[in-house]
């Protein structure tokens, strides 16, 4: 199958997925979510490790504001449907494979959702992490249940309120990532050498058990989806996004 937003390759029981929207700074759109779901379908039977990567300078930067701007410029209504993305992150958290995110460059907003939904996260020295949503009057509703589970409530709360980027060492200290090195390719290889030995049946049983111990991402689903839809239906919020794309102007600069 040919993908428009991903580069996919298989190496034994390992599936490497590269998010590939260089023209859009690796933002998330409906097609990317759909294609990732298709790849995970292919990983159900044989794959034991899924490695999720971005471009050398950017992992993933969240919602596609350019796409929102284009819809508004054409007079089309904005209908946010975060359910497929939330379901994708749920699949990453519960699927019968280990999801390892390998982060280089920028990871912002919904990009942290992919990180928080991963079983293991590695990074290199260029990695920068942030939640910028509140600058635009938004908040990371769908990211939060996954992020709280990974870092704890207060760390997730602090990241959201501060909106500042932080480096890999800070991300490690806060529990967002598991390991980093200035050059991370060797780090990734060492992890894969261990992870490839694990049996698929054992991985599946263990992940089902773990999700039962930490039910927040299931119980918080409806609240998160509704909150996201409400935010992206707010004309004032959409105007802020439009002006940012159109003029490069933050709300406080208007």
Protein backbone atom coordinates (compact mmCIF):
# COMPACT_ATOMS: atom_id res chain seq x y z
CA UNK A 1 0.00 0.00 0.00
CA UNK A 2 1.29 3.46 -0.90
CA UNK A 3 1.12 6.14 1.78
CA UNK A 4 1.09 9.91 1.28
CA UNK A 5 2.04 10.97 4.82
CA UNK A 6 4.25 8.10 5.98
CA UNK A 7 7.36 6.16 5.03
CA UNK A 8 7.04 2.56 6.23
CA UNK A 9 9.54 -0.30 6.21
CA UNK A 10 9.78 -3.67 7.91
CA UNK A 11 12.85 -5.35 9.33
CA UNK A 12 11.93 -8.78 10.64
CA UNK A 13 9.30 -8.27 13.34
CA UNK A 14 10.05 -4.53 13.62
CA UNK A 15 7.98 -1.95 11.73
CA UNK A 16 9.58 1.47 11.21
CA UNK A 17 7.10 4.30 10.58
CA UNK A 18 8.35 7.76 9.65
CA UNK A 19 5.89 10.64 9.81
CA UNK A 20 6.50 12.44 6.52
CA UNK A 21 4.71 15.73 5.94
CA UNK A 22 7.74 18.00 5.41
CA UNK A 23 5.63 20.60 3.62
CA UNK A 24 3.45 20.94 6.74
CA UNK A 25 6.08 20.67 9.51
CA UNK A 26 4.84 17.14 10.28
CA UNK A 27 1.49 18.37 11.53
CA UNK A 28 -1.41 15.97 12.00
CA UNK A 29 -4.22 15.73 9.46
CA UNK A 30 -6.99 13.21 8.86
CA UNK A 31 -4.99 11.35 6.22
CA UNK A 32 -2.01 10.85 8.52
CA UNK A 33 -4.28 9.44 11.24
CA UNK A 34 -6.00 7.12 8.75
CA UNK A 35 -2.72 5.89 7.28
CA UNK A 36 -1.23 5.22 10.70
CA UNK A 37 -4.30 3.17 11.53
CA UNK A 38 -3.76 1.12 8.35
CA UNK A 39 -0.15 0.41 9.29
CA UNK A 40 -1.16 -0.69 12.79
CA UNK A 41 -3.69 -3.04 11.17
CA UNK A 42 -0.77 -4.64 9.33
CA UNK A 43 1.15 -4.96 12.61
CA UNK A 44 -1.52 -7.00 14.43
CA UNK A 45 -0.31 -10.48 13.48
CA UNK A 46 3.49 -10.56 13.26
CA UNK A 47 5.09 -7.28 14.33
CA UNK A 48 6.39 -7.05 17.90
CA UNK A 49 7.94 -3.55 17.84
CA UNK A 50 6.68 -0.41 16.10
CA UNK A 51 9.25 2.40 15.84
CA UNK A 52 7.66 5.80 15.27
CA UNK A 53 9.96 8.54 13.98
CA UNK A 54 9.68 11.97 12.41
CA UNK A 55 11.96 14.03 10.21
CA UNK A 56 15.50 14.96 11.32
CA UNK A 57 14.39 18.42 12.49
CA UNK A 58 10.79 17.79 13.55
CA UNK A 59 8.99 14.83 15.10
CA UNK A 60 5.40 16.14 15.05
CA UNK A 61 3.96 19.60 15.74
CA UNK A 62 0.30 18.88 16.38
CA UNK A 63 -2.80 20.19 14.63
CA UNK A 64 -2.49 21.50 11.08
CA UNK A 65 -3.27 25.22 11.51
CA UNK A 66 -2.61 25.77 7.80
CA UNK A 67 -5.43 23.38 6.96
CA UNK A 68 -7.77 25.14 9.40
CA UNK A 69 -6.82 28.50 7.86
CA UNK A 70 -7.49 27.19 4.35
CA UNK A 71 -10.94 25.94 5.34
CA UNK A 72 -11.80 29.29 6.89
CA UNK A 73 -10.46 31.26 3.92
CA UNK A 74 -12.75 29.25 1.65
CA UNK A 75 -15.72 29.85 3.93
CA UNK A 76 -16.00 26.20 4.92
CA UNK A 77 -17.08 25.26 8.43
CA UNK A 78 -14.58 23.69 10.82
CA UNK A 79 -15.79 20.38 12.18
CA UNK A 80 -13.30 18.94 14.61
CA UNK A 81 -13.46 15.18 14.96
CA UNK A 82 -10.69 14.13 17.33
CA UNK A 83 -12.15 10.68 17.89
CA UNK A 84 -10.01 8.87 15.25
CA UNK A 85 -6.82 10.41 16.68
CA UNK A 86 -7.78 9.48 20.24
CA UNK A 87 -8.61 5.96 19.04
CA UNK A 88 -5.21 5.77 17.32
CA UNK A 89 -3.42 6.73 20.52
CA UNK A 90 -5.52 4.13 22.37
CA UNK A 91 -4.39 1.51 19.86
CA UNK A 92 -0.77 2.46 20.43
CA UNK A 93 -1.27 2.08 24.17
CA UNK A 94 -3.16 -1.21 24.01
CA UNK A 95 -2.03 -2.94 20.80
CA UNK A 96 -0.10 -6.26 20.75
CA UNK A 97 3.23 -4.61 19.94
CA UNK A 98 5.68 -2.32 21.71
CA UNK A 99 5.47 1.24 20.40
CA UNK A 100 8.81 3.05 20.60
CA UNK A 101 8.90 6.72 19.64
CA UNK A 102 12.32 7.99 18.53
CA UNK A 103 12.27 11.77 18.76
CA UNK A 104 14.52 14.25 16.97
CA UNK A 105 13.82 17.96 16.71
CA UNK A 106 10.50 19.58 17.61
CA UNK A 107 7.65 17.75 19.30
CA UNK A 108 4.75 20.05 20.11
CA UNK A 109 1.08 19.83 21.07
CA UNK A 110 -0.44 16.69 19.50
CA UNK A 111 3.09 15.46 18.89
CA UNK A 112 3.28 14.93 22.64
CA UNK A 113 0.16 12.80 22.32
CA UNK A 114 2.10 10.32 20.18
CA UNK A 115 4.93 10.40 22.71
CA UNK A 116 2.63 9.94 25.70
CA UNK A 117 0.82 7.04 23.98
CA UNK A 118 4.12 5.21 23.36
CA UNK A 119 5.48 2.42 25.52
CA UNK A 120 9.07 3.67 25.27
CA UNK A 121 10.40 7.06 24.16
CA UNK A 122 13.99 7.77 23.10
CA UNK A 123 15.40 11.12 21.99
CA UNK A 124 18.54 12.75 20.69
CA UNK A 125 20.17 16.01 21.72
CA UNK A 126 18.15 18.10 19.26
CA UNK A 127 14.77 17.10 20.71
CA UNK A 128 12.57 19.90 22.04
CA UNK A 129 9.21 19.26 23.67
CA UNK A 130 6.33 21.69 24.24
CA UNK A 131 2.60 22.19 24.66
CA UNK A 132 1.82 25.52 22.99
CA UNK A 133 -1.98 25.26 22.87
CA UNK A 134 -2.84 27.68 25.67
CA UNK A 135 -1.13 30.51 23.78
CA UNK A 136 -4.06 30.27 21.35
CA UNK A 137 -6.78 29.84 23.96
CA UNK A 138 -6.79 26.06 23.47
CA UNK A 139 -5.67 23.29 25.78
CA UNK A 140 -4.42 19.76 25.02
CA UNK A 141 -7.67 17.98 25.87
CA UNK A 142 -7.00 14.72 24.03
CA UNK A 143 -3.32 14.62 24.94
CA UNK A 144 -3.97 15.07 28.66
CA UNK A 145 -5.24 11.61 29.68
CA UNK A 146 -2.18 9.99 28.07
CA UNK A 147 0.23 12.63 29.36
CA UNK A 148 -1.09 12.48 32.93
CA UNK A 149 -0.66 8.72 32.88
CA UNK A 150 2.95 9.11 31.75
CA UNK A 151 4.22 12.09 33.76
CA UNK A 152 1.66 12.62 36.53
CA UNK A 153 -0.94 15.35 36.89
CA UNK A 154 1.25 18.22 38.08
CA UNK A 155 3.95 17.83 35.41
CA UNK A 156 1.30 17.74 32.68
CA UNK A 157 -0.40 20.75 34.27
CA UNK A 158 2.88 22.68 34.43
CA UNK A 159 3.79 21.91 30.80
CA UNK A 160 0.37 23.13 29.68
CA UNK A 161 0.48 26.37 31.65
CA UNK A 162 4.06 27.32 30.80
CA UNK A 163 3.83 26.59 27.03
CA UNK A 164 7.65 26.65 26.92
CA UNK A 165 9.88 24.22 25.04
CA UNK A 166 12.18 22.02 27.12
CA UNK A 167 15.06 19.75 26.22
CA UNK A 168 15.60 16.00 26.40
CA UNK A 169 17.30 16.09 29.79
CA UNK A 170 14.29 17.86 31.30
CA UNK A 171 11.92 15.46 29.52
CA UNK A 172 13.83 12.54 31.04
CA UNK A 173 13.67 14.07 34.50
CA UNK A 174 9.92 14.62 34.15
CA UNK A 175 9.23 11.08 32.94
CA UNK A 176 8.14 12.05 29.43
CA UNK A 177 10.98 10.10 27.79
CA UNK A 178 12.95 7.07 28.95
CA UNK A 179 16.47 7.72 27.63
CA UNK A 180 18.41 10.11 25.42
CA UNK A 181 21.87 10.53 23.95
CA UNK A 182 23.34 13.37 21.86
CA UNK A 183 23.33 10.97 18.88
CA UNK A 184 20.53 8.46 19.44
CA UNK A 185 20.87 5.90 16.63
CA UNK A 186 23.07 3.63 18.74
CA UNK A 187 20.63 4.04 21.65
CA UNK A 188 17.79 2.89 19.39
CA UNK A 189 19.76 -0.14 18.15
CA UNK A 190 20.56 -1.23 21.71
CA UNK A 191 16.91 -1.03 22.70
CA UNK A 192 15.79 -2.98 19.64
CA UNK A 193 18.30 -5.75 20.35
CA UNK A 194 16.50 -6.37 23.66
CA UNK A 195 12.93 -5.72 22.56
CA UNK A 196 13.09 -8.02 19.51
CA UNK A 197 13.54 -10.99 21.86
CA UNK A 198 10.12 -10.57 23.47
CA UNK A 199 7.32 -12.91 22.33
CA UNK A 200 4.26 -11.29 20.77
CA UNK A 201 1.79 -13.20 22.94
CA UNK A 202 3.54 -12.02 26.08
CA UNK A 203 3.57 -8.41 24.89
CA UNK A 204 -0.17 -8.55 24.13
CA UNK A 205 -1.08 -10.02 27.53
CA UNK A 206 1.16 -7.59 29.41
CA UNK A 207 -0.24 -4.51 27.65
CA UNK A 208 -3.83 -5.62 28.29
CA UNK A 209 -2.95 -6.01 31.96
CA UNK A 210 -1.27 -2.60 32.17
CA UNK A 211 -4.23 -0.75 30.68
CA UNK A 212 -6.50 -2.30 33.31
CA UNK A 213 -4.21 -0.93 36.02
CA UNK A 214 -4.38 2.59 34.56
CA UNK A 215 -7.92 3.24 33.27
CA UNK A 216 -7.66 7.03 32.83
CA UNK A 217 -7.30 6.97 29.05
CA UNK A 218 -10.51 4.93 28.71
CA UNK A 219 -12.48 6.81 31.33
CA UNK A 220 -11.33 10.24 30.11
CA UNK A 221 -12.11 9.61 26.44
CA UNK A 222 -15.56 11.20 26.15
CA UNK A 223 -14.59 14.22 28.23
CA UNK A 224 -11.46 14.80 26.14
CA UNK A 225 -13.23 14.45 22.78
CA UNK A 226 -16.10 16.74 23.80
CA UNK A 227 -13.69 19.38 25.12
CA UNK A 228 -11.71 19.33 21.88
CA UNK A 229 -14.82 19.69 19.74
CA UNK A 230 -16.07 22.58 21.87
CA UNK A 231 -12.77 24.46 21.55
CA UNK A 232 -12.57 24.12 17.78
CA UNK A 233 -16.18 25.27 17.43
CA UNK A 234 -15.41 28.58 19.19
CA UNK A 235 -15.29 31.42 16.62
CA UNK A 236 -12.92 33.48 18.79
CA UNK A 237 -10.43 30.63 19.00
CA UNK A 238 -10.64 30.01 15.27
CA UNK A 239 -10.04 33.71 14.62
CA UNK A 240 -6.87 33.54 16.72
CA UNK A 241 -5.62 30.58 14.66
CA UNK A 242 -6.54 32.34 11.40
CA UNK A 243 -4.65 35.50 12.35
CA UNK A 244 -1.62 33.50 13.46
CA UNK A 245 -1.38 31.71 10.11
CA UNK A 246 -2.30 34.80 8.10
CA UNK A 247 -0.10 37.37 9.84
CA UNK A 248 2.22 35.39 12.10
CA UNK A 249 0.55 37.26 14.94
CA UNK A 250 0.05 35.91 18.45
CA UNK A 251 -3.13 36.97 20.32
CA UNK A 252 -1.32 39.42 22.60
CA UNK A 253 0.25 41.17 19.60
CA UNK A 254 -3.09 42.20 18.07
